[in-house]
């Protein structure tokens, strides 16, 4: 394949990954709304369990399509560890969605790409230079604007949202590693399989049987979560995590509209300012990733297996 053909193929793959991540952001944004609606009756830990239970039901067609051979793997230990960290992120994230204004909870989740960059250095051995470290620091400044740790409006709940973001970054990196050898559908199935018992234990301590329309919200949470996870996993398989995760910014307009219409939530100016700062930092990180990916394809002297200065 010529250099031009390779560059064109890479460009199409990037746009495909961007499209999948966009769908993922919309699905996850709508899932956040159904979680808040279900929380009128249920504790967020129980909602997390039902999201996983119904999510597995919606993922079963993947098993019917590929057969039991899809589950053949020698990386069960990696799946288990990835899911253990993922359930921490899920429980913290669901708690934040229920107990914080939706826009604030989602805005703080945008800090995930910042943690991805830090994790890429510590885990994947990437070499990050001054410009990207500056972008990370600017993004963390945006986090401080939202959290305002030294103001009267500070709540410890925002720290729970940050815990969810940090754990989600580890999950994103682990999926990137798994996707080198594992099929995206296998990652989705194993995730839901492990998450059901992992989320059941905390749910039992706050159990209340759902009634009425709550069933609809938890079924939708499972469907939207699985669809979002499918798109997210496929996107991460063909694109760089630190390039794609800023697209989750699209969740903000989704939850902001529903937050206003359904829960009478107004957007706080500090939340908007902080989210814009975080988005700007993430956009710069994404731009650097795209440039470096293009350089890797077009320059035959660049070895894609060698840690690249960022």
Protein backbone atom coordinates (compact mmCIF):
# COMPACT_ATOMS: atom_id res chain seq x y z
CA UNK A 1 0.00 0.00 0.00
CA UNK A 2 1.40 3.40 -1.01
CA UNK A 3 1.92 6.18 1.52
CA UNK A 4 -0.98 8.21 0.05
CA UNK A 5 -3.31 5.19 0.11
CA UNK A 6 -2.28 4.42 3.68
CA UNK A 7 -2.89 8.02 4.73
CA UNK A 8 -6.31 8.00 3.02
CA UNK A 9 -7.25 4.72 4.73
CA UNK A 10 -6.15 6.11 8.10
CA UNK A 11 -8.23 9.24 7.50
CA UNK A 12 -11.36 7.17 6.80
CA UNK A 13 -10.72 5.09 9.90
CA UNK A 14 -10.39 8.23 12.02
CA UNK A 15 -13.72 9.58 10.74
CA UNK A 16 -15.35 6.20 11.38
CA UNK A 17 -14.01 6.23 14.92
CA UNK A 18 -15.26 9.80 15.40
CA UNK A 19 -18.75 8.79 14.21
CA UNK A 20 -18.88 5.83 16.56
CA UNK A 21 -17.70 7.92 19.50
CA UNK A 22 -20.33 10.57 18.67
CA UNK A 23 -23.08 7.94 18.81
CA UNK A 24 -21.59 6.68 22.04
CA UNK A 25 -21.74 10.17 23.57
CA UNK A 26 -25.41 10.57 22.62
CA UNK A 27 -26.34 7.13 23.97
CA UNK A 28 -24.49 7.73 27.25
CA UNK A 29 -26.05 11.19 27.59
CA UNK A 30 -29.53 9.73 27.21
CA UNK A 31 -28.62 6.94 29.64
CA UNK A 32 -27.72 9.60 32.25
CA UNK A 33 -31.23 11.03 31.87
CA UNK A 34 -32.88 7.61 32.37
CA UNK A 35 -30.70 7.03 35.45
CA UNK A 36 -31.90 10.30 36.98
CA UNK A 37 -35.52 9.37 36.18
CA UNK A 38 -35.11 5.92 37.77
CA UNK A 39 -33.53 7.50 40.86
CA UNK A 40 -36.93 8.87 41.87
CA UNK A 41 -37.47 5.40 43.32
CA UNK A 42 -34.17 3.48 43.27
CA UNK A 43 -30.70 3.98 44.76
CA UNK A 44 -27.98 4.54 42.11
CA UNK A 45 -26.25 1.29 43.10
CA UNK A 46 -29.41 -0.68 42.31
CA UNK A 47 -29.84 1.22 39.06
CA UNK A 48 -26.28 0.19 38.15
CA UNK A 49 -27.14 -3.47 38.73
CA UNK A 50 -30.26 -3.32 36.52
CA UNK A 51 -28.33 -1.37 33.87
CA UNK A 52 -25.86 -4.28 33.74
CA UNK A 53 -28.53 -6.99 33.88
CA UNK A 54 -30.59 -5.54 31.03
CA UNK A 55 -27.41 -4.48 29.25
CA UNK A 56 -26.37 -8.14 29.15
CA UNK A 57 -29.78 -9.08 27.75
CA UNK A 58 -29.32 -6.56 24.92
CA UNK A 59 -25.79 -7.87 24.31
CA UNK A 60 -26.89 -11.52 23.92
CA UNK A 61 -27.48 -11.17 20.14
CA UNK A 62 -23.71 -10.74 19.87
CA UNK A 63 -23.29 -14.25 21.28
CA UNK A 64 -25.94 -15.63 18.93
CA UNK A 65 -24.16 -13.98 16.01
CA UNK A 66 -20.61 -15.13 16.78
CA UNK A 67 -21.19 -18.29 18.84
CA UNK A 68 -19.46 -19.40 22.02
CA UNK A 69 -16.13 -19.13 20.27
CA UNK A 70 -16.37 -15.38 20.82
CA UNK A 71 -15.69 -15.97 24.53
CA UNK A 72 -12.49 -17.94 23.93
CA UNK A 73 -9.64 -15.95 25.47
CA UNK A 74 -6.47 -16.27 27.53
CA UNK A 75 -6.90 -12.82 29.08
CA UNK A 76 -9.59 -13.44 31.69
CA UNK A 77 -7.38 -11.85 34.35
CA UNK A 78 -7.21 -8.62 32.32
CA UNK A 79 -10.97 -8.64 31.78
CA UNK A 80 -11.55 -9.13 35.50
CA UNK A 81 -9.24 -6.28 36.50
CA UNK A 82 -10.67 -3.99 33.81
CA UNK A 83 -14.21 -4.75 35.00
CA UNK A 84 -13.32 -4.28 38.67
CA UNK A 85 -12.01 -0.78 37.96
CA UNK A 86 -14.93 -0.20 35.62
CA UNK A 87 -17.52 -1.01 38.29
CA UNK A 88 -15.91 1.53 40.61
CA UNK A 89 -16.20 4.11 37.85
CA UNK A 90 -19.82 3.12 37.16
CA UNK A 91 -20.99 3.24 40.78
CA UNK A 92 -19.26 6.58 41.37
CA UNK A 93 -20.58 7.95 38.09
CA UNK A 94 -24.16 6.84 38.75
CA UNK A 95 -24.01 8.34 42.25
CA UNK A 96 -22.79 11.65 40.78
CA UNK A 97 -25.54 11.68 38.13
CA UNK A 98 -28.19 11.19 40.81
CA UNK A 99 -26.81 13.58 43.43
CA UNK A 100 -25.23 16.38 41.38
CA UNK A 101 -26.78 18.60 38.71
CA UNK A 102 -26.61 16.62 35.47
CA UNK A 103 -24.50 19.21 33.64
CA UNK A 104 -21.98 19.35 36.49
CA UNK A 105 -21.67 15.57 36.72
CA UNK A 106 -21.14 15.23 32.97
CA UNK A 107 -18.77 18.21 32.80
CA UNK A 108 -16.52 16.65 35.42
CA UNK A 109 -16.51 13.43 33.40
CA UNK A 110 -14.71 15.41 30.68
CA UNK A 111 -11.60 15.25 32.82
CA UNK A 112 -11.22 11.61 31.74
CA UNK A 113 -8.96 12.48 28.74
CA UNK A 114 -6.65 14.37 31.10
CA UNK A 115 -6.29 11.26 33.24
CA UNK A 116 -5.87 9.20 30.04
CA UNK A 117 -2.85 11.31 29.12
CA UNK A 118 -1.33 10.86 32.57
CA UNK A 119 -2.08 7.14 32.48
CA UNK A 120 -0.58 6.79 28.99
CA UNK A 121 2.72 7.99 30.44
CA UNK A 122 2.60 5.74 33.49
CA UNK A 123 1.11 2.62 31.87
CA UNK A 124 1.85 2.72 28.12
CA UNK A 125 5.21 4.48 28.30
CA UNK A 126 4.26 7.41 26.06
CA UNK A 127 6.61 10.37 26.10
CA UNK A 128 4.63 13.54 26.80
CA UNK A 129 6.35 16.86 26.21
CA UNK A 130 5.73 20.34 27.61
CA UNK A 131 2.87 21.35 25.31
CA UNK A 132 0.66 18.41 26.21
CA UNK A 133 1.52 18.70 29.90
CA UNK A 134 0.46 22.34 29.65
CA UNK A 135 -2.85 21.26 28.12
CA UNK A 136 -3.35 18.78 30.97
CA UNK A 137 -2.68 21.50 33.56
CA UNK A 138 -5.10 23.87 31.81
CA UNK A 139 -7.73 21.13 31.82
CA UNK A 140 -7.20 20.53 35.53
CA UNK A 141 -7.68 24.28 36.05
CA UNK A 142 -11.07 23.86 34.38
CA UNK A 143 -11.85 21.08 36.86
CA UNK A 144 -11.03 23.45 39.73
CA UNK A 145 -13.34 26.08 38.24
CA UNK A 146 -16.22 23.59 38.33
CA UNK A 147 -15.43 22.09 41.72
CA UNK A 148 -14.40 25.38 43.43
CA UNK A 149 -12.83 23.51 46.36
CA UNK A 150 -12.32 26.65 48.45
CA UNK A 151 -15.76 28.19 47.92
CA UNK A 152 -19.06 27.91 49.78
CA UNK A 153 -20.55 25.98 46.85
CA UNK A 154 -18.06 23.09 47.15
CA UNK A 155 -19.60 19.67 47.69
CA UNK A 156 -17.78 16.40 48.32
CA UNK A 157 -20.00 14.86 45.65
CA UNK A 158 -17.87 16.48 42.95
CA UNK A 159 -14.92 14.41 44.21
CA UNK A 160 -16.98 11.27 43.58
CA UNK A 161 -17.48 12.45 39.98
CA UNK A 162 -13.71 12.92 39.63
CA UNK A 163 -13.13 9.42 41.00
CA UNK A 164 -15.44 8.12 38.26
CA UNK A 165 -13.46 10.06 35.63
CA UNK A 166 -10.08 8.79 36.84
CA UNK A 167 -11.28 5.17 36.94
CA UNK A 168 -12.85 5.61 33.49
CA UNK A 169 -9.47 6.71 32.14
CA UNK A 170 -7.90 3.48 33.38
CA UNK A 171 -10.73 1.56 31.72
CA UNK A 172 -10.15 3.39 28.41
CA UNK A 173 -6.46 2.50 28.49
CA UNK A 174 -7.19 -1.13 29.36
CA UNK A 175 -9.66 -1.41 26.47
CA UNK A 176 -7.02 -0.01 24.15
CA UNK A 177 -4.64 -2.75 25.30
CA UNK A 178 -7.28 -5.52 25.10
CA UNK A 179 -8.42 -4.36 21.64
CA UNK A 180 -4.99 -5.27 20.24
CA UNK A 181 -5.93 -8.95 20.41
CA UNK A 182 -9.58 -9.16 21.53
CA UNK A 183 -12.71 -8.56 19.45
CA UNK A 184 -14.85 -5.53 20.41
CA UNK A 185 -17.95 -7.73 20.85
CA UNK A 186 -16.03 -10.03 23.20
CA UNK A 187 -15.00 -7.03 25.31
CA UNK A 188 -18.63 -5.89 25.54
CA UNK A 189 -19.88 -9.36 26.50
CA UNK A 190 -17.22 -10.09 29.08
CA UNK A 191 -17.75 -6.65 30.60
CA UNK A 192 -21.47 -7.17 31.09
CA UNK A 193 -20.94 -10.73 32.36
CA UNK A 194 -18.49 -9.61 35.04
CA UNK A 195 -20.41 -6.47 35.93
CA UNK A 196 -23.65 -8.24 36.86
CA UNK A 197 -22.30 -10.02 40.00
CA UNK A 198 -19.93 -7.14 40.78
CA UNK A 199 -22.81 -4.64 40.87
CA UNK A 200 -25.28 -7.00 42.58
CA UNK A 201 -23.41 -7.02 45.91
CA UNK A 202 -23.66 -3.26 46.64
CA UNK A 203 -27.22 -3.22 45.24
CA UNK A 204 -28.39 -5.79 47.82
CA UNK A 205 -27.66 -3.34 50.66
CA UNK A 206 -30.09 -0.76 49.22
CA UNK A 207 -32.55 -3.07 47.47
CA UNK A 208 -36.06 -1.93 46.63
CA UNK A 209 -38.18 -3.73 44.02
CA UNK A 210 -38.90 -1.43 41.05
CA UNK A 211 -42.52 -0.53 40.34
CA UNK A 212 -44.42 1.13 37.51
CA UNK A 213 -42.59 3.28 34.98
CA UNK A 214 -39.29 2.76 36.82
CA UNK A 215 -39.02 -0.53 34.93
CA UNK A 216 -39.02 1.40 31.65
CA UNK A 217 -36.20 3.68 32.81
CA UNK A 218 -33.94 0.85 33.96
CA UNK A 219 -34.57 -1.17 30.78
CA UNK A 220 -33.70 1.90 28.70
CA UNK A 221 -30.61 2.49 30.83
CA UNK A 222 -29.46 -1.05 30.01
CA UNK A 223 -30.18 -0.69 26.28
CA UNK A 224 -28.58 2.75 25.94
CA UNK A 225 -25.59 1.72 28.06
CA UNK A 226 -24.93 -1.37 25.93
CA UNK A 227 -25.32 0.54 22.65
CA UNK A 228 -23.01 3.25 23.95
CA UNK A 229 -20.47 0.67 25.11
CA UNK A 230 -20.53 -1.10 21.74
CA UNK A 231 -19.86 2.13 19.87
CA UNK A 232 -17.24 3.21 22.42
CA UNK A 233 -15.33 -0.08 22.26
CA UNK A 234 -15.29 -0.14 18.45
CA UNK A 235 -14.17 3.48 18.32
CA UNK A 236 -11.30 2.82 20.74
CA UNK A 237 -10.23 -0.18 18.67
CA UNK A 238 -9.62 1.91 15.55
CA UNK A 239 -8.74 5.29 17.07
CA UNK A 240 -6.55 6.72 19.83
CA UNK A 241 -8.20 7.01 23.24
CA UNK A 242 -6.86 10.48 23.95
CA UNK A 243 -8.08 11.65 20.53
CA UNK A 244 -11.60 10.25 20.83
CA UNK A 245 -12.59 10.79 24.45
CA UNK A 246 -13.01 14.60 24.08
CA UNK A 247 -16.01 13.86 21.85
CA UNK A 248 -17.89 12.94 25.02
CA UNK A 249 -18.35 16.73 25.31
CA UNK A 250 -21.46 16.17 23.19
CA UNK A 251 -23.11 14.68 26.25
CA UNK A 252 -23.35 18.16 27.78
CA UNK A 253 -25.96 19.63 25.39
CA UNK A 254 -27.95 16.39 25.64
CA UNK A 255 -28.12 16.39 29.43
CA UNK A 256 -28.43 20.18 29.63
CA UNK A 257 -31.60 20.17 27.52
CA UNK A 258 -33.18 17.27 29.40
CA UNK A 259 -31.99 18.66 32.72
CA UNK A 260 -33.79 21.92 31.99
CA UNK A 261 -36.97 20.32 30.59
CA UNK A 262 -37.38 17.46 33.08
CA UNK A 263 -35.63 18.57 36.27
CA UNK A 264 -35.73 22.39 36.07
CA UNK A 265 -31.93 22.58 36.28
CA UNK A 266 -30.20 25.79 35.21
CA UNK A 267 -26.68 25.79 33.83
CA UNK A 268 -24.27 27.33 36.32
CA UNK A 269 -21.90 29.84 34.69
CA UNK A 270 -18.92 28.33 36.50
CA UNK A 271 -19.83 24.88 35.21
CA UNK A 272 -20.03 26.26 31.66
CA UNK A 273 -16.69 28.08 32.01
CA UNK A 274 -14.96 25.06 33.52
CA UNK A 275 -16.39 22.72 30.87
CA UNK A 276 -15.16 25.04 28.09
CA UNK A 277 -11.67 25.15 29.61
CA UNK A 278 -11.58 21.36 29.88
CA UNK A 279 -12.89 21.02 26.33
CA UNK A 280 -10.22 23.40 24.99
CA UNK A 281 -7.49 21.38 26.70
CA UNK A 282 -8.94 18.11 25.39
CA UNK A 283 -9.29 19.56 21.88
CA UNK A 284 -5.60 20.45 21.86
CA UNK A 285 -4.66 16.97 23.07
CA UNK A 286 -6.86 15.45 20.34
CA UNK A 287 -5.26 17.68 17.69
CA UNK A 288 -1.78 16.62 18.76
CA UNK A 289 -2.82 12.96 18.61
CA UNK A 290 -4.24 13.38 15.09
CA UNK A 291 -1.08 15.12 13.84
CA UNK A 292 1.17 12.45 15.33
CA UNK A 293 -0.99 9.65 13.89
CA UNK A 294 -0.79 11.27 10.44
CA UNK A 295 2.99 11.67 10.78
CA UNK A 296 3.33 7.99 11.68
CA UNK A 297 1.52 6.97 8.47
CA UNK A 298 3.15 9.40 6.05
CA UNK A 299 6.73 9.26 7.37
CA UNK A 300 8.32 5.85 6.74
CA UNK A 301 11.06 6.69 9.25
CA UNK A 302 8.58 6.73 12.13
CA UNK A 303 8.21 3.37 13.87
CA UNK A 304 4.65 3.04 15.24
CA UNK A 305 5.89 0.68 17.94
CA UNK A 306 8.33 3.27 19.32
CA UNK A 307 7.07 5.63 22.07
CA UNK A 308 6.45 8.94 20.35
CA UNK A 309 7.12 12.35 21.94
CA UNK A 310 3.79 14.07 22.51
